[in-house]
Amino acid sequence: MNKTAYRRSLILEKLDDAGQVNVTELSQLLNVSEVTIRNDLDKLEKNKLLIRAHGGAFKANNIALNVSEKKKINLDYKRLIGKKAVSLINEDESIILDSGTTTFELSTNLKDFENLTVISNALDIVNNLSQYKNLEVFMPGGYLKEFSMSLVGPMAERNFRQLYCNKLFLGVDGIKENSGIYTHYMEEAYLNQIMIEVAEEVIVVADSSKFKKSGLAFICGFDKIDKIVTDAGIEPEMEEILKKKNIEVIIAQ
């Protein structure tokens, strides 16, 4: 096997193990330039062996879906999780709803609050909340990432740093037992990190299919998370791992 074929074989092995690969990490691991790695990834994508993304690549079966497609996946579980998560909110609080299909389901259950401040960077969530006249809704601004219908970038980051909230409800694309939580987008990961900084309590809302998966962008480790609301499909071993990390696991049924 020549060097190129061997290198690409190792890339595919790494991809199979982790679900995604990063250009810089592969360059360091394989001791070749980032240009060489990008050429490898481009060639592998042409052969339909992976999906290229900014800064790396995903397994072909781990593609980031757009928000309308994601809303259809595990919808019953997401609705259960959304209802359960609302029970954690008290009157007179301020909350952040991160963009995501599970946080969207949470937003559909806020009509009974008399005094609640909701901050969100998600267009679909803010549009949904506009029907509830009793809520005070803030949208920090930014530029539109159409794939996820969320506002990100320097304006969003600056404005979020000026805010404070009692609870952050965070949707994620993956939860890895040995590292933490992930999303598919670098801009969203950085904005999520700022949300975490300004929140008293961080609550991850994710159906059980998100466990043992990751995304291209790391958000944070388990030490930043207070609670995870999920469904009964979570594996007992994973639940035990989270509890040992002092995370309260709440099962929506």
Protein backbone atom coordinates (compact mmCIF):
# COMPACT_ATOMS: atom_id res chain seq x y z
CA MET A 1 0.00 0.00 0.00
CA ASN A 2 1.47 3.39 -0.98
CA LYS A 3 1.72 6.31 1.45
CA THR A 4 -1.36 8.11 0.14
CA ALA A 5 -3.57 5.05 0.30
CA TYR A 6 -2.28 4.18 3.77
CA ARG A 7 -2.91 7.73 5.02
CA ARG A 8 -6.45 7.77 3.65
CA SER A 9 -7.10 4.39 5.19
CA LEU A 10 -6.06 5.74 8.59
CA ILE A 11 -8.30 8.78 8.08
CA LEU A 12 -11.27 6.49 7.45
CA GLU A 13 -10.43 4.43 10.54
CA LYS A 14 -10.31 7.61 12.64
CA LEU A 15 -13.58 8.74 11.10
CA ASP A 16 -15.23 5.42 11.86
CA ASP A 17 -14.13 5.58 15.50
CA ALA A 18 -14.99 9.23 16.23
CA GLY A 19 -17.72 10.10 13.75
CA GLN A 20 -15.81 13.17 12.55
CA VAL A 21 -12.23 14.31 11.89
CA ASN A 22 -10.42 17.62 12.14
CA VAL A 23 -7.90 18.83 9.52
CA THR A 24 -5.41 20.26 12.03
CA GLU A 25 -5.48 17.17 14.25
CA LEU A 26 -5.03 14.85 11.25
CA SER A 27 -2.14 16.96 9.99
CA GLN A 28 -0.35 16.64 13.33
CA LEU A 29 -1.20 12.96 13.72
CA LEU A 30 -0.03 11.97 10.23
CA ASN A 31 2.84 14.49 10.05
CA VAL A 32 1.75 16.01 6.74
CA SER A 33 0.53 19.47 5.75
CA GLU A 34 -3.06 20.60 6.18
CA VAL A 35 -3.22 21.07 2.40
CA THR A 36 -2.44 17.36 1.97
CA ILE A 37 -5.16 16.42 4.47
CA ARG A 38 -7.71 18.63 2.71
CA ASN A 39 -6.84 16.98 -0.60
CA ASP A 40 -7.31 13.57 1.02
CA LEU A 41 -10.70 14.56 2.41
CA ASP A 42 -11.80 16.00 -0.93
CA LYS A 43 -10.85 12.77 -2.70
CA LEU A 44 -12.63 10.63 -0.10
CA GLU A 45 -15.74 12.79 -0.41
CA LYS A 46 -15.76 12.31 -4.18
CA ASN A 47 -15.81 8.58 -3.50
CA LYS A 48 -18.79 9.16 -1.14
CA LEU A 49 -16.83 7.91 1.88
CA LEU A 50 -17.35 11.03 3.99
CA ILE A 51 -19.00 14.47 4.07
CA ARG A 52 -16.72 17.51 4.05
CA ALA A 53 -17.37 20.26 6.59
CA HIS A 54 -15.60 23.44 7.61
CA GLY A 55 -12.34 22.38 9.25
CA GLY A 56 -12.85 18.65 8.81
CA ALA A 57 -15.34 15.97 7.78
CA PHE A 58 -18.16 13.75 9.05
CA LYS A 59 -19.02 10.13 8.48
CA ALA A 60 -21.49 9.77 5.64
CA ASN A 61 -24.15 8.62 8.14
CA ASN A 62 -23.44 11.48 10.55
CA ILE A 63 -24.46 14.44 8.38
CA ALA A 64 -25.72 17.59 10.04
CA LEU A 65 -29.37 17.90 9.04
CA ASN A 66 -31.14 21.20 8.58
CA VAL A 67 -33.64 22.27 11.21
CA SER A 68 -36.77 21.24 9.30
CA GLU A 69 -35.38 17.72 8.79
CA LYS A 70 -34.24 17.43 12.40
CA LYS A 71 -37.69 18.35 13.73
CA LYS A 72 -39.07 15.12 12.28
CA ILE A 73 -36.58 12.88 14.11
CA ASN A 74 -37.66 11.39 17.47
CA LEU A 75 -40.43 13.98 17.65
CA ASP A 76 -42.45 12.15 20.33
CA TYR A 77 -39.40 11.99 22.61
CA LYS A 78 -38.60 15.65 22.00
CA ARG A 79 -42.14 16.64 22.95
CA LEU A 80 -41.89 14.66 26.19
CA ILE A 81 -38.54 16.26 26.98
CA GLY A 82 -39.88 19.73 26.20
CA LYS A 83 -42.81 19.29 28.60
CA LYS A 84 -40.57 17.91 31.33
CA ALA A 85 -38.02 20.69 30.94
CA VAL A 86 -40.73 23.34 31.41
CA SER A 87 -41.44 21.91 34.88
CA LEU A 88 -37.96 23.12 35.89
CA ILE A 89 -38.85 26.76 35.20
CA ASN A 90 -40.27 29.07 37.87
CA GLU A 91 -42.28 32.26 37.55
CA ASP A 92 -40.27 35.51 37.40
CA GLU A 93 -37.18 33.78 36.01
CA SER A 94 -35.12 34.61 32.95
CA ILE A 95 -34.18 31.73 30.66
CA ILE A 96 -32.15 31.20 27.49
CA LEU A 97 -33.44 28.82 24.84
CA ASP A 98 -30.63 27.80 22.54
CA SER A 99 -31.50 27.00 18.93
CA GLY A 100 -32.57 23.40 18.41
CA THR A 101 -35.52 21.15 17.76
CA THR A 102 -35.84 20.00 21.38
CA THR A 103 -35.67 23.55 22.74
CA PHE A 104 -38.32 24.44 20.15
CA GLU A 105 -40.62 21.83 21.72
CA LEU A 106 -39.92 23.40 25.11
CA SER A 107 -40.99 26.78 23.72
CA THR A 108 -44.42 25.41 22.81
CA ASN A 109 -45.17 24.80 26.51
CA LEU A 110 -44.63 28.29 27.96
CA LYS A 111 -48.11 29.73 27.50
CA ASP A 112 -49.17 29.32 31.16
CA PHE A 113 -46.44 31.52 32.67
CA GLU A 114 -47.54 34.94 33.90
CA ASN A 115 -44.10 36.53 34.14
CA LEU A 116 -41.18 35.00 32.29
CA THR A 117 -38.27 36.46 30.34
CA VAL A 118 -37.08 34.34 27.42
CA ILE A 119 -33.85 35.00 25.50
CA SER A 120 -33.20 33.11 22.29
CA ASN A 121 -31.03 33.30 19.18
CA ALA A 122 -33.36 30.99 17.21
CA LEU A 123 -35.74 32.50 14.67
CA ASP A 124 -38.23 29.64 14.79
CA ILE A 125 -38.36 29.75 18.60
CA VAL A 126 -38.85 33.53 18.76
CA ASN A 127 -41.54 33.31 16.09
CA ASN A 128 -43.26 30.59 18.12
CA LEU A 129 -43.05 32.63 21.34
CA SER A 130 -44.58 35.70 19.67
CA GLN A 131 -48.05 34.18 20.11
CA TYR A 132 -47.72 34.31 23.92
CA LYS A 133 -48.38 37.90 24.98
CA ASN A 134 -47.43 37.22 28.61
CA LEU A 135 -43.77 36.53 27.82
CA GLU A 136 -40.98 39.08 27.57
CA VAL A 137 -38.86 37.94 24.65
CA PHE A 138 -35.32 39.10 23.77
CA MET A 139 -33.36 38.30 20.62
CA PRO A 140 -29.71 39.38 20.91
CA GLY A 141 -29.15 39.66 17.13
CA GLY A 142 -26.37 38.46 14.87
CA TYR A 143 -26.16 37.05 11.36
CA LEU A 144 -28.47 34.27 10.22
CA LYS A 145 -27.18 30.73 9.88
CA GLU A 146 -30.00 29.41 7.68
CA PHE A 147 -29.13 25.75 8.18
CA SER A 148 -30.10 25.95 11.86
CA MET A 149 -32.27 29.12 11.70
CA SER A 150 -30.10 30.69 14.41
CA LEU A 151 -28.34 34.04 14.80
CA VAL A 152 -24.63 33.84 15.53
CA GLY A 153 -21.44 35.88 15.13
CA PRO A 154 -19.77 38.85 16.88
CA MET A 155 -22.99 40.83 17.47
CA ALA A 156 -24.72 37.86 19.10
CA GLU A 157 -21.62 37.11 21.18
CA ARG A 158 -21.25 40.71 22.38
CA ASN A 159 -24.92 41.05 23.29
CA PHE A 160 -25.11 37.73 25.13
CA ARG A 161 -22.15 38.80 27.29
CA GLN A 162 -24.29 41.70 28.56
CA LEU A 163 -27.07 39.40 29.74
CA TYR A 164 -27.79 37.19 32.74
CA CYS A 165 -30.23 34.32 33.11
CA ASN A 166 -31.40 31.88 35.75
CA LYS A 167 -31.46 28.87 33.44
CA LEU A 168 -29.99 27.95 30.07
CA PHE A 169 -31.68 25.18 28.09
CA LEU A 170 -29.13 23.86 25.66
CA GLY A 171 -29.78 21.60 22.68
CA VAL A 172 -26.85 19.54 21.43
CA ASP A 173 -25.91 17.25 18.53
CA GLY A 174 -23.83 14.83 20.55
CA ILE A 175 -22.88 13.74 24.07
CA LYS A 176 -19.66 11.74 24.46
CA GLU A 177 -19.14 9.98 27.78
CA ASN A 178 -15.39 10.70 27.88
CA SER A 179 -15.48 14.38 26.96
CA GLY A 180 -18.74 16.36 27.00
CA ILE A 181 -21.23 17.93 24.60
CA TYR A 182 -20.93 18.85 20.92
CA THR A 183 -22.61 20.65 18.05
CA HIS A 184 -21.94 20.54 14.31
CA TYR A 185 -21.10 24.25 13.99
CA MET A 186 -18.09 26.17 15.32
CA GLU A 187 -19.95 29.52 15.56
CA GLU A 188 -22.75 27.96 17.57
CA ALA A 189 -20.33 26.18 19.89
CA TYR A 190 -18.62 29.46 20.75
CA LEU A 191 -21.94 31.21 21.32
CA ASN A 192 -23.08 28.31 23.51
CA GLN A 193 -19.95 28.76 25.63
CA ILE A 194 -20.91 32.39 26.25
CA MET A 195 -24.47 31.35 27.13
CA ILE A 196 -23.02 28.95 29.70
CA GLU A 197 -20.93 31.77 31.22
CA VAL A 198 -23.97 34.00 31.81
CA ALA A 199 -26.29 31.30 33.15
CA GLU A 200 -26.78 30.32 36.78
CA GLU A 201 -27.84 26.81 35.79
CA VAL A 202 -27.11 24.83 32.61
CA ILE A 203 -29.67 22.25 31.53
CA VAL A 204 -29.04 20.10 28.46
CA VAL A 205 -32.16 18.84 26.66
CA ALA A 206 -31.42 15.91 24.37
CA ASP A 207 -33.14 12.71 23.31
CA SER A 208 -31.26 9.48 23.97
CA SER A 209 -30.10 9.13 20.34
CA LYS A 210 -27.60 11.94 21.01
CA PHE A 211 -25.55 9.89 23.47
CA LYS A 212 -22.21 8.47 22.31
CA LYS A 213 -22.29 10.83 19.32
CA SER A 214 -20.33 13.98 18.68
CA GLY A 215 -20.12 16.86 16.25
CA LEU A 216 -17.33 18.87 14.71
CA ALA A 217 -17.37 21.50 17.45
CA PHE A 218 -16.85 20.91 21.19
CA ILE A 219 -19.07 23.01 23.47
CA CYS A 220 -17.99 22.10 27.01
CA GLY A 221 -17.14 19.35 29.45
CA PHE A 222 -19.55 17.81 31.95
CA ASP A 223 -18.28 20.05 34.74
CA LYS A 224 -20.29 22.95 33.24
CA ILE A 225 -23.59 21.02 33.13
CA ASP A 226 -26.05 20.84 36.02
CA LYS A 227 -28.87 18.72 34.55
CA ILE A 228 -29.69 16.65 31.50
CA VAL A 229 -33.31 16.04 30.49
CA THR A 230 -33.64 13.02 28.22
CA ASP A 231 -35.93 10.06 27.51
CA ALA A 232 -36.08 6.51 28.90
CA GLY A 233 -33.91 5.23 26.06
CA ILE A 234 -30.73 6.36 27.82
CA GLU A 235 -28.45 3.40 28.57
CA PRO A 236 -28.07 2.66 32.31
CA GLU A 237 -24.27 2.84 32.01
CA MET A 238 -24.47 6.31 30.50
CA GLU A 239 -26.87 7.47 33.18
CA GLU A 240 -24.48 6.18 35.85
CA ILE A 241 -21.53 7.97 34.24
CA LEU A 242 -23.42 11.26 34.26
CA LYS A 243 -24.51 10.87 37.88
CA LYS A 244 -20.91 10.23 38.91
CA LYS A 245 -20.06 13.55 37.28
CA ASN A 246 -22.64 15.22 39.57
CA ILE A 247 -25.15 15.76 36.77
CA GLU A 248 -28.80 15.28 37.62
CA VAL A 249 -30.41 13.05 34.98
CA ILE A 250 -34.12 13.70 34.51
CA ILE A 251 -36.12 11.17 32.50
CA ALA A 252 -39.13 12.45 30.56
CA GLN A 253 -41.90 9.86 30.39
